[in-house]
């Protein structure tokens, strides 16, 4: 019933909420995602820059969690489509589920750090980044990205829980944006 529909309730995982519906955080996060995709010259990035920019972008998408179910798969499909604008492809089979989940969780706002931190995700995206070979990058109009049209390659198996009452989502800082230098990482 919810496939492709934006969520209308607050949800959370591991006692932390995702972008809040009531205060407009979800809408703001989706606008940030759209702006961030268009802000990066994906075709010009080297592998390290691609991993850093992808990690920063994914941290926005992950925190937005715009759907009630299927966000993990949908966000990976979304990131694969963004990668089509670059010299790289994303092969998420190179990353274990445990590592993916742990670093995704580590990037989210916390009580002691109320902003997104994509740095834990950089090595994960470096592991998943593969040269595209001789394929050409796709020129897409990123000014009209619509996450509500994202596909679901598999049925959701775990549902998310509702955020605890009275706990809104902390507003993130603007510390990191795709395309910014987030430091170096090891491959």
N, C-alpha and C. Protein backbone atom coordinates (compact mmCIF):
# COMPACT_ATOMS: atom_id res chain seq x y z
N UNK A 1 0.80 -1.21 0.00
CA UNK A 1 0.00 0.00 0.00
C UNK A 1 0.85 1.27 0.00
N UNK A 2 2.07 1.18 0.55
CA UNK A 2 2.88 2.38 0.70
C UNK A 2 3.91 2.56 -0.39
N UNK A 3 4.07 1.59 -1.26
CA UNK A 3 5.14 1.64 -2.27
C UNK A 3 5.06 2.93 -3.08
N UNK A 4 6.17 3.64 -3.12
CA UNK A 4 6.25 4.87 -3.91
C UNK A 4 5.56 6.06 -3.29
N UNK A 5 5.00 5.90 -2.12
CA UNK A 5 4.31 7.01 -1.45
C UNK A 5 5.19 7.55 -0.33
N UNK A 6 5.28 8.87 -0.24
CA UNK A 6 6.02 9.45 0.87
C UNK A 6 5.32 9.11 2.18
N UNK A 7 6.11 8.90 3.21
CA UNK A 7 5.52 8.59 4.51
C UNK A 7 4.82 9.81 5.08
N UNK A 8 3.83 9.56 5.90
CA UNK A 8 3.05 10.64 6.52
C UNK A 8 3.17 10.59 8.04
N UNK A 9 4.04 9.72 8.54
CA UNK A 9 4.28 9.60 9.98
C UNK A 9 5.78 9.66 10.23
N UNK A 10 6.13 9.98 11.46
CA UNK A 10 7.54 9.93 11.85
C UNK A 10 7.92 8.49 12.12
N UNK A 11 9.11 8.12 11.69
CA UNK A 11 9.61 6.77 11.90
C UNK A 11 11.03 6.86 12.45
N UNK A 12 11.50 5.76 13.00
CA UNK A 12 12.84 5.73 13.54
C UNK A 12 13.38 4.32 13.55
N UNK A 13 14.64 4.22 13.87
CA UNK A 13 15.32 2.93 13.96
C UNK A 13 16.34 3.06 15.08
N UNK A 14 16.41 2.04 15.93
CA UNK A 14 17.34 2.06 17.06
C UNK A 14 17.15 3.30 17.93
N UNK A 15 15.90 3.64 18.20
CA UNK A 15 15.50 4.75 19.08
C UNK A 15 15.80 6.14 18.51
N UNK A 16 16.37 6.23 17.32
CA UNK A 16 16.64 7.53 16.70
C UNK A 16 15.67 7.75 15.55
N UNK A 17 15.12 8.94 15.49
CA UNK A 17 14.18 9.24 14.42
C UNK A 17 14.88 9.66 13.15
N UNK A 18 14.17 9.44 12.04
CA UNK A 18 14.63 9.96 10.75
C UNK A 18 14.04 11.35 10.59
N UNK A 19 14.21 11.97 9.43
CA UNK A 19 13.73 13.33 9.21
C UNK A 19 12.27 13.45 9.64
N UNK A 20 11.98 14.50 10.38
CA UNK A 20 10.68 14.72 10.99
C UNK A 20 9.68 15.27 9.99
N UNK A 21 8.47 14.72 10.03
CA UNK A 21 7.40 15.17 9.14
C UNK A 21 6.83 16.50 9.62
N UNK A 22 6.52 16.59 10.93
CA UNK A 22 5.80 17.75 11.46
C UNK A 22 6.53 19.07 11.28
N UNK A 23 7.84 19.07 11.45
CA UNK A 23 8.56 20.34 11.37
C UNK A 23 9.17 20.62 10.00
N UNK A 24 8.87 19.78 9.02
CA UNK A 24 9.33 20.02 7.65
C UNK A 24 10.71 19.48 7.33
N UNK A 25 11.32 18.74 8.26
CA UNK A 25 12.66 18.21 8.00
C UNK A 25 12.70 17.31 6.77
N UNK A 26 11.67 16.47 6.59
CA UNK A 26 11.67 15.56 5.44
C UNK A 26 11.70 16.34 4.13
N UNK A 27 10.82 17.33 4.00
CA UNK A 27 10.81 18.14 2.79
C UNK A 27 12.16 18.84 2.58
N UNK A 28 12.72 19.37 3.66
CA UNK A 28 14.00 20.07 3.56
C UNK A 28 15.12 19.11 3.13
N UNK A 29 15.11 17.90 3.69
CA UNK A 29 16.15 16.92 3.32
C UNK A 29 16.04 16.56 1.84
N UNK A 30 14.83 16.36 1.35
CA UNK A 30 14.67 16.01 -0.07
C UNK A 30 15.10 17.16 -0.97
N UNK A 31 14.85 18.39 -0.55
CA UNK A 31 15.34 19.54 -1.32
C UNK A 31 16.87 19.58 -1.31
N UNK A 32 17.47 19.26 -0.17
CA UNK A 32 18.93 19.20 -0.07
C UNK A 32 19.49 18.13 -0.99
N UNK A 33 18.83 16.98 -1.05
CA UNK A 33 19.27 15.89 -1.93
C UNK A 33 19.25 16.37 -3.38
N UNK A 34 18.15 16.96 -3.78
CA UNK A 34 18.01 17.43 -5.16
C UNK A 34 19.07 18.48 -5.48
N UNK A 35 19.27 19.42 -4.56
CA UNK A 35 20.26 20.47 -4.77
C UNK A 35 21.66 19.88 -4.83
N UNK A 36 21.94 18.95 -3.93
CA UNK A 36 23.28 18.36 -3.86
C UNK A 36 23.63 17.58 -5.12
N UNK A 37 22.67 16.85 -5.68
CA UNK A 37 22.95 16.09 -6.91
C UNK A 37 23.36 17.04 -8.02
N UNK A 38 22.65 18.13 -8.17
CA UNK A 38 22.95 19.08 -9.23
C UNK A 38 24.19 19.92 -8.98
N UNK A 39 24.65 19.96 -7.75
CA UNK A 39 25.78 20.80 -7.37
C UNK A 39 27.13 20.16 -7.71
N UNK A 40 27.16 18.86 -7.87
CA UNK A 40 28.42 18.14 -8.09
C UNK A 40 28.61 17.86 -9.58
N UNK A 41 29.81 18.06 -10.07
CA UNK A 41 30.16 17.69 -11.45
C UNK A 41 30.61 16.24 -11.42
N UNK A 42 29.65 15.32 -11.38
CA UNK A 42 29.92 13.90 -11.19
C UNK A 42 30.88 13.34 -12.23
N UNK A 43 30.77 13.77 -13.47
CA UNK A 43 31.62 13.24 -14.54
C UNK A 43 33.09 13.62 -14.37
N UNK A 44 33.37 14.65 -13.59
CA UNK A 44 34.74 15.14 -13.42
C UNK A 44 35.45 14.58 -12.18
N UNK A 45 34.76 13.80 -11.38
CA UNK A 45 35.32 13.33 -10.11
C UNK A 45 36.26 12.14 -10.31
N UNK A 46 37.33 12.10 -9.51
CA UNK A 46 38.16 10.90 -9.46
C UNK A 46 37.51 9.95 -8.44
N UNK A 47 38.07 8.77 -8.26
CA UNK A 47 37.44 7.75 -7.41
C UNK A 47 37.29 8.21 -5.96
N UNK A 48 38.31 8.87 -5.41
CA UNK A 48 38.22 9.35 -4.03
C UNK A 48 37.15 10.42 -3.88
N UNK A 49 37.12 11.37 -4.82
CA UNK A 49 36.11 12.42 -4.78
C UNK A 49 34.71 11.84 -4.95
N UNK A 50 34.59 10.85 -5.83
CA UNK A 50 33.29 10.19 -6.04
C UNK A 50 32.82 9.52 -4.76
N UNK A 51 33.71 8.80 -4.08
CA UNK A 51 33.34 8.12 -2.83
C UNK A 51 32.92 9.14 -1.78
N UNK A 52 33.65 10.24 -1.67
CA UNK A 52 33.31 11.27 -0.68
C UNK A 52 31.98 11.94 -1.00
N UNK A 53 31.79 12.31 -2.26
CA UNK A 53 30.54 12.97 -2.65
C UNK A 53 29.36 12.03 -2.52
N UNK A 54 29.55 10.77 -2.87
CA UNK A 54 28.48 9.77 -2.74
C UNK A 54 28.11 9.56 -1.28
N UNK A 55 29.11 9.50 -0.41
CA UNK A 55 28.85 9.32 1.03
C UNK A 55 28.05 10.50 1.57
N UNK A 56 28.44 11.71 1.18
CA UNK A 56 27.72 12.89 1.66
C UNK A 56 26.28 12.90 1.16
N UNK A 57 26.09 12.61 -0.12
CA UNK A 57 24.75 12.58 -0.68
C UNK A 57 23.90 11.50 -0.02
N UNK A 58 24.47 10.30 0.12
CA UNK A 58 23.72 9.22 0.74
C UNK A 58 23.32 9.54 2.17
N UNK A 59 24.16 10.26 2.90
CA UNK A 59 23.79 10.58 4.28
C UNK A 59 22.51 11.40 4.33
N UNK A 60 22.31 12.30 3.36
CA UNK A 60 21.05 13.05 3.26
C UNK A 60 19.88 12.11 2.96
N UNK A 61 20.07 11.26 1.95
CA UNK A 61 19.01 10.34 1.53
C UNK A 61 18.64 9.40 2.67
N UNK A 62 19.65 8.88 3.34
CA UNK A 62 19.41 7.94 4.43
C UNK A 62 18.65 8.61 5.57
N UNK A 63 19.04 9.81 5.94
CA UNK A 63 18.35 10.50 7.03
C UNK A 63 16.93 10.91 6.63
N UNK A 64 16.74 11.23 5.37
CA UNK A 64 15.38 11.58 4.92
C UNK A 64 14.44 10.39 5.10
N UNK A 65 14.89 9.20 4.72
CA UNK A 65 14.05 7.99 4.82
C UNK A 65 12.61 8.32 4.41
N UNK A 66 12.41 8.70 3.14
CA UNK A 66 11.12 9.26 2.73
C UNK A 66 9.96 8.27 2.68
N UNK A 67 10.22 6.98 2.74
CA UNK A 67 9.15 5.99 2.61
C UNK A 67 9.00 5.21 3.91
N UNK A 68 7.84 4.60 4.10
CA UNK A 68 7.63 3.79 5.30
C UNK A 68 8.43 2.50 5.23
N UNK A 69 8.58 1.94 4.05
CA UNK A 69 9.34 0.71 3.86
C UNK A 69 10.12 0.80 2.56
N UNK A 70 11.20 0.04 2.46
CA UNK A 70 11.97 -0.05 1.23
C UNK A 70 13.01 1.02 1.04
N UNK A 71 13.31 1.79 2.08
CA UNK A 71 14.27 2.88 1.94
C UNK A 71 15.68 2.42 1.61
N UNK A 72 16.11 1.31 2.18
CA UNK A 72 17.47 0.82 1.92
C UNK A 72 17.69 0.50 0.46
N UNK A 73 16.81 -0.30 -0.09
CA UNK A 73 16.93 -0.68 -1.50
C UNK A 73 16.70 0.53 -2.41
N UNK A 74 15.73 1.34 -2.09
CA UNK A 74 15.44 2.51 -2.91
C UNK A 74 16.63 3.47 -2.93
N UNK A 75 17.25 3.68 -1.78
CA UNK A 75 18.38 4.60 -1.73
C UNK A 75 19.57 4.06 -2.53
N UNK A 76 19.77 2.75 -2.53
CA UNK A 76 20.85 2.17 -3.34
C UNK A 76 20.57 2.34 -4.83
N UNK A 77 19.33 2.12 -5.24
CA UNK A 77 18.95 2.32 -6.64
C UNK A 77 19.16 3.79 -7.02
N UNK A 78 18.74 4.69 -6.14
CA UNK A 78 18.93 6.12 -6.37
C UNK A 78 20.41 6.44 -6.56
N UNK A 79 21.25 5.93 -5.67
CA UNK A 79 22.69 6.20 -5.76
C UNK A 79 23.28 5.61 -7.04
N UNK A 80 22.80 4.45 -7.47
CA UNK A 80 23.27 3.86 -8.74
C UNK A 80 22.91 4.76 -9.91
N UNK A 81 21.73 5.37 -9.86
CA UNK A 81 21.32 6.29 -10.93
C UNK A 81 22.18 7.56 -10.91
N UNK A 82 22.48 8.07 -9.74
CA UNK A 82 23.36 9.23 -9.66
C UNK A 82 24.74 8.87 -10.22
N UNK A 83 25.23 7.68 -9.90
CA UNK A 83 26.55 7.24 -10.38
C UNK A 83 26.61 7.17 -11.90
N UNK A 84 25.47 7.00 -12.55
CA UNK A 84 25.45 6.96 -14.02
C UNK A 84 25.96 8.25 -14.64
N UNK A 85 25.99 9.32 -13.87
CA UNK A 85 26.50 10.60 -14.36
C UNK A 85 28.03 10.67 -14.26
N UNK A 86 28.64 9.64 -13.70
CA UNK A 86 30.08 9.65 -13.44
C UNK A 86 30.80 8.58 -14.26
N UNK A 87 32.10 8.47 -14.00
CA UNK A 87 32.93 7.43 -14.63
C UNK A 87 32.88 6.14 -13.84
N UNK A 88 32.04 6.09 -12.80
CA UNK A 88 32.04 4.97 -11.87
C UNK A 88 30.66 4.34 -11.75
N UNK A 89 30.67 3.10 -11.33
CA UNK A 89 29.44 2.38 -10.99
C UNK A 89 29.56 1.97 -9.53
N UNK A 90 28.43 1.72 -8.91
CA UNK A 90 28.43 1.27 -7.53
C UNK A 90 28.06 -0.21 -7.49
N UNK A 91 28.90 -1.00 -6.87
CA UNK A 91 28.66 -2.43 -6.70
C UNK A 91 28.53 -2.70 -5.20
N UNK A 92 27.29 -2.63 -4.72
CA UNK A 92 27.05 -2.77 -3.29
C UNK A 92 27.29 -4.19 -2.78
N UNK A 93 27.46 -5.15 -3.68
CA UNK A 93 27.77 -6.51 -3.23
C UNK A 93 29.17 -6.59 -2.61
N UNK A 94 29.98 -5.56 -2.80
CA UNK A 94 31.32 -5.51 -2.23
C UNK A 94 31.31 -5.09 -0.75
N UNK A 95 30.13 -4.74 -0.25
CA UNK A 95 30.00 -4.24 1.12
C UNK A 95 29.08 -5.18 1.90
N UNK A 96 29.53 -5.65 3.05
CA UNK A 96 28.68 -6.54 3.84
C UNK A 96 27.49 -5.77 4.40
N UNK A 97 26.42 -6.50 4.63
CA UNK A 97 25.21 -5.89 5.19
C UNK A 97 25.51 -5.25 6.54
N UNK A 98 26.29 -5.94 7.37
CA UNK A 98 26.61 -5.40 8.70
C UNK A 98 27.39 -4.10 8.60
N UNK A 99 28.38 -4.04 7.71
CA UNK A 99 29.16 -2.82 7.53
C UNK A 99 28.28 -1.69 7.00
N UNK A 100 27.44 -2.01 6.01
CA UNK A 100 26.53 -1.01 5.45
C UNK A 100 25.62 -0.43 6.54
N UNK A 101 24.99 -1.31 7.31
CA UNK A 101 24.06 -0.86 8.34
C UNK A 101 24.77 -0.06 9.43
N UNK A 102 25.94 -0.53 9.85
CA UNK A 102 26.68 0.16 10.92
C UNK A 102 27.12 1.55 10.49
N UNK A 103 27.64 1.69 9.29
CA UNK A 103 28.11 3.00 8.84
C UNK A 103 26.96 3.93 8.50
N UNK A 104 25.87 3.37 8.00
CA UNK A 104 24.68 4.19 7.75
C UNK A 104 24.17 4.77 9.07
N UNK A 105 24.10 3.93 10.08
CA UNK A 105 23.66 4.38 11.41
C UNK A 105 24.64 5.40 11.99
N UNK A 106 25.94 5.16 11.83
CA UNK A 106 26.95 6.07 12.38
C UNK A 106 26.90 7.46 11.73
N UNK A 107 26.38 7.56 10.52
CA UNK A 107 26.33 8.85 9.83
C UNK A 107 25.15 9.72 10.28
N UNK A 108 24.20 9.12 10.97
CA UNK A 108 22.98 9.84 11.35
C UNK A 108 23.19 10.76 12.55
N UNK A 109 22.36 11.79 12.68
CA UNK A 109 22.47 12.68 13.85
C UNK A 109 22.26 11.90 15.15
N UNK A 110 22.92 12.35 16.18
CA UNK A 110 22.81 11.75 17.51
C UNK A 110 22.68 12.87 18.54
N UNK A 111 22.34 12.52 19.75
CA UNK A 111 22.19 13.53 20.80
C UNK A 111 23.48 14.33 20.98
N UNK A 112 24.62 13.65 20.96
CA UNK A 112 25.89 14.34 21.16
C UNK A 112 26.43 14.99 19.88
N UNK A 113 25.84 14.69 18.73
CA UNK A 113 26.24 15.26 17.45
C UNK A 113 24.99 15.42 16.61
N UNK A 114 24.29 16.55 16.74
CA UNK A 114 22.98 16.70 16.08
C UNK A 114 23.05 17.10 14.61
N UNK A 115 23.99 16.54 13.87
CA UNK A 115 24.10 16.82 12.44
C UNK A 115 24.57 15.55 11.73
N UNK A 116 24.43 15.52 10.43
CA UNK A 116 24.89 14.38 9.63
C UNK A 116 26.41 14.33 9.59
N UNK A 117 26.95 13.13 9.60
CA UNK A 117 28.40 12.94 9.46
C UNK A 117 28.65 11.84 8.44
N UNK A 118 28.89 12.19 7.19
CA UNK A 118 29.09 11.17 6.16
C UNK A 118 30.44 10.46 6.22
N UNK A 119 31.37 10.91 7.05
CA UNK A 119 32.71 10.31 7.07
C UNK A 119 32.70 8.80 7.29
N UNK A 120 31.85 8.24 8.16
CA UNK A 120 31.85 6.78 8.31
C UNK A 120 31.51 6.04 7.01
N UNK A 121 30.81 6.71 6.10
CA UNK A 121 30.37 6.08 4.85
C UNK A 121 31.40 6.15 3.73
N UNK A 122 32.42 6.97 3.86
CA UNK A 122 33.36 7.18 2.76
C UNK A 122 34.04 5.87 2.37
N UNK A 123 34.57 5.13 3.33
CA UNK A 123 35.23 3.86 2.99
C UNK A 123 34.26 2.86 2.38
N UNK A 124 33.02 2.87 2.82
CA UNK A 124 32.01 1.97 2.26
C UNK A 124 31.78 2.29 0.79
N UNK A 125 31.64 3.56 0.47
CA UNK A 125 31.46 3.93 -0.93
C UNK A 125 32.74 3.70 -1.73
N UNK A 126 33.90 3.82 -1.11
CA UNK A 126 35.15 3.49 -1.81
C UNK A 126 35.19 2.01 -2.17
N UNK A 127 34.73 1.15 -1.26
CA UNK A 127 34.67 -0.29 -1.54
C UNK A 127 33.71 -0.61 -2.68
N UNK A 128 32.61 0.11 -2.75
CA UNK A 128 31.58 -0.16 -3.76
C UNK A 128 31.88 0.49 -5.11
N UNK A 129 32.79 1.44 -5.15
CA UNK A 129 33.08 2.19 -6.37
C UNK A 129 33.93 1.37 -7.33
N UNK A 130 33.44 1.23 -8.55
CA UNK A 130 34.15 0.50 -9.61
C UNK A 130 34.20 1.36 -10.86
N UNK A 131 35.33 1.31 -11.56
CA UNK A 131 35.43 2.02 -12.84
C UNK A 131 34.37 1.47 -13.78
N UNK A 132 33.74 2.37 -14.53
CA UNK A 132 32.66 1.97 -15.41
C UNK A 132 33.16 1.30 -16.69
N UNK A 133 34.42 1.38 -16.99
CA UNK A 133 34.91 0.79 -18.23
C UNK A 133 34.72 1.76 -19.38
N UNK A 134 34.32 1.24 -20.53
CA UNK A 134 34.16 2.08 -21.71
C UNK A 134 32.76 2.63 -21.88
N UNK A 135 31.89 2.35 -20.91
CA UNK A 135 30.53 2.88 -21.02
C UNK A 135 30.56 4.39 -20.90
N UNK A 136 29.63 5.04 -21.53
CA UNK A 136 29.53 6.48 -21.43
C UNK A 136 28.65 6.83 -20.25
N UNK A 137 28.95 7.97 -19.62
CA UNK A 137 28.10 8.43 -18.54
C UNK A 137 26.80 8.96 -19.12
N UNK A 138 25.77 8.86 -18.34
CA UNK A 138 24.47 9.35 -18.79
C UNK A 138 24.32 10.81 -18.39
N UNK A 139 23.91 11.62 -19.32
CA UNK A 139 23.60 13.00 -19.01
C UNK A 139 22.14 13.03 -18.59
N UNK A 140 21.91 13.42 -17.36
CA UNK A 140 20.54 13.46 -16.87
C UNK A 140 20.20 14.85 -16.39
N UNK A 141 18.94 15.13 -16.38
CA UNK A 141 18.47 16.40 -15.86
C UNK A 141 18.19 16.21 -14.39
N UNK A 142 19.16 16.52 -13.54
CA UNK A 142 19.00 16.31 -12.10
C UNK A 142 18.16 17.39 -11.45
N UNK A 143 17.79 18.39 -12.17
CA UNK A 143 16.96 19.43 -11.60
C UNK A 143 15.55 18.96 -11.31
N UNK A 144 15.18 17.79 -11.79
CA UNK A 144 13.82 17.30 -11.60
C UNK A 144 13.80 15.91 -11.00
N UNK A 145 14.75 15.61 -10.12
CA UNK A 145 14.74 14.30 -9.46
C UNK A 145 13.49 14.18 -8.62
N UNK A 146 12.87 13.04 -8.69
CA UNK A 146 11.65 12.79 -7.93
C UNK A 146 11.80 11.45 -7.22
N UNK A 147 12.14 11.49 -5.94
CA UNK A 147 12.36 10.26 -5.20
C UNK A 147 11.10 9.43 -5.07
N UNK A 148 9.93 10.03 -5.26
CA UNK A 148 8.69 9.25 -5.15
C UNK A 148 8.55 8.29 -6.32
N UNK A 149 9.36 8.45 -7.36
CA UNK A 149 9.30 7.56 -8.51
C UNK A 149 10.37 6.47 -8.44
N UNK A 150 11.08 6.38 -7.32
CA UNK A 150 12.12 5.36 -7.17
C UNK A 150 11.51 3.98 -7.19
N UNK A 151 12.26 3.02 -7.71
CA UNK A 151 11.75 1.65 -7.81
C UNK A 151 12.13 0.83 -6.60
N UNK A 152 11.44 -0.24 -6.41
CA UNK A 152 11.69 -1.18 -5.32
C UNK A 152 12.10 -2.50 -5.94
N UNK A 153 13.39 -2.84 -5.98
CA UNK A 153 13.81 -4.07 -6.63
C UNK A 153 13.44 -5.32 -5.85
N UNK A 154 13.10 -5.20 -4.58
CA UNK A 154 12.70 -6.36 -3.79
C UNK A 154 11.70 -5.91 -2.74
N UNK A 155 10.87 -6.82 -2.28
CA UNK A 155 9.87 -6.47 -1.29
C UNK A 155 10.54 -6.20 0.05
N UNK A 156 10.05 -5.23 0.77
CA UNK A 156 10.61 -4.91 2.08
C UNK A 156 10.37 -6.07 3.04
N UNK A 157 11.36 -6.37 3.86
CA UNK A 157 11.22 -7.47 4.81
C UNK A 157 11.19 -7.00 6.25
N UNK A 158 11.68 -5.81 6.50
CA UNK A 158 11.64 -5.28 7.86
C UNK A 158 10.91 -3.96 7.85
N UNK A 159 10.02 -3.77 8.79
CA UNK A 159 9.35 -2.48 8.88
C UNK A 159 10.09 -1.61 9.88
N UNK A 160 9.99 -0.33 9.70
CA UNK A 160 10.60 0.61 10.62
C UNK A 160 9.60 0.92 11.72
N UNK A 161 10.09 1.34 12.86
CA UNK A 161 9.21 1.65 13.97
C UNK A 161 8.94 3.13 14.03
N UNK A 162 7.85 3.47 14.67
CA UNK A 162 7.49 4.87 14.81
C UNK A 162 8.44 5.54 15.79
N UNK A 163 8.79 6.78 15.52
CA UNK A 163 9.66 7.54 16.41
C UNK A 163 8.96 7.74 17.75
N UNK A 164 9.71 7.72 18.85
CA UNK A 164 9.11 7.95 20.15
C UNK A 164 8.41 9.30 20.21
N UNK A 165 7.28 9.34 20.91
CA UNK A 165 6.50 10.57 21.03
C UNK A 165 7.33 11.66 21.68
N UNK A 166 7.21 12.86 21.17
CA UNK A 166 7.87 14.00 21.76
C UNK A 166 9.33 14.16 21.38
N UNK A 167 9.86 13.24 20.59
CA UNK A 167 11.26 13.36 20.18
C UNK A 167 11.32 13.74 18.71
N UNK A 168 11.61 14.98 18.45
CA UNK A 168 11.77 15.41 17.07
C UNK A 168 13.17 15.09 16.58
N UNK A 169 13.37 15.26 15.32
CA UNK A 169 14.68 15.03 14.73
C UNK A 169 15.51 16.29 14.87
N UNK A 170 16.71 16.16 15.36
CA UNK A 170 17.59 17.31 15.50
C UNK A 170 17.94 17.85 14.12
N UNK A 171 17.99 19.15 13.99
CA UNK A 171 18.35 19.75 12.71
C UNK A 171 19.83 19.53 12.49
N UNK A 172 20.18 19.16 11.29
CA UNK A 172 21.57 18.90 10.98
C UNK A 172 22.29 20.20 10.71
N UNK A 173 23.56 20.17 10.93
CA UNK A 173 24.40 21.30 10.56
C UNK A 173 24.67 21.25 9.07
N UNK A 174 25.33 22.25 8.57
CA UNK A 174 25.67 22.25 7.15
C UNK A 174 27.16 21.95 6.98
N UNK A 175 27.67 21.08 7.85
CA UNK A 175 29.10 20.79 7.83
C UNK A 175 29.57 20.15 6.54
N UNK A 176 28.77 19.27 5.97
CA UNK A 176 29.21 18.51 4.81
C UNK A 176 28.19 18.59 3.69
N UNK A 177 28.68 18.84 2.51
CA UNK A 177 27.86 18.80 1.31
C UNK A 177 28.62 18.02 0.26
N UNK A 178 27.93 17.29 -0.61
CA UNK A 178 28.64 16.59 -1.67
C UNK A 178 29.51 17.56 -2.45
N UNK A 179 30.70 17.10 -2.78
CA UNK A 179 31.62 17.94 -3.52
C UNK A 179 32.63 18.64 -2.64
N UNK A 180 32.35 18.69 -1.32
CA UNK A 180 33.32 19.29 -0.42
C UNK A 180 34.40 18.27 -0.11
N UNK A 181 35.57 18.74 0.24
CA UNK A 181 36.64 17.84 0.64
C UNK A 181 36.37 17.38 2.06
N UNK A 182 36.10 16.10 2.23
CA UNK A 182 35.80 15.54 3.54
C UNK A 182 37.02 14.90 4.17
N UNK A 183 38.17 15.04 3.57
CA UNK A 183 39.37 14.40 4.08
C UNK A 183 39.75 13.23 3.21
N UNK A 184 40.70 12.48 3.68
CA UNK A 184 41.16 11.33 2.90
C UNK A 184 40.69 10.05 3.55
N UNK A 185 40.73 8.99 2.81
CA UNK A 185 40.36 7.68 3.34
C UNK A 185 41.29 6.65 2.73
N UNK A 186 41.32 5.49 3.36
CA UNK A 186 42.16 4.42 2.85
C UNK A 186 41.33 3.48 2.01
N UNK A 187 41.93 2.96 0.97
CA UNK A 187 41.26 1.97 0.13
C UNK A 187 41.76 0.61 0.46
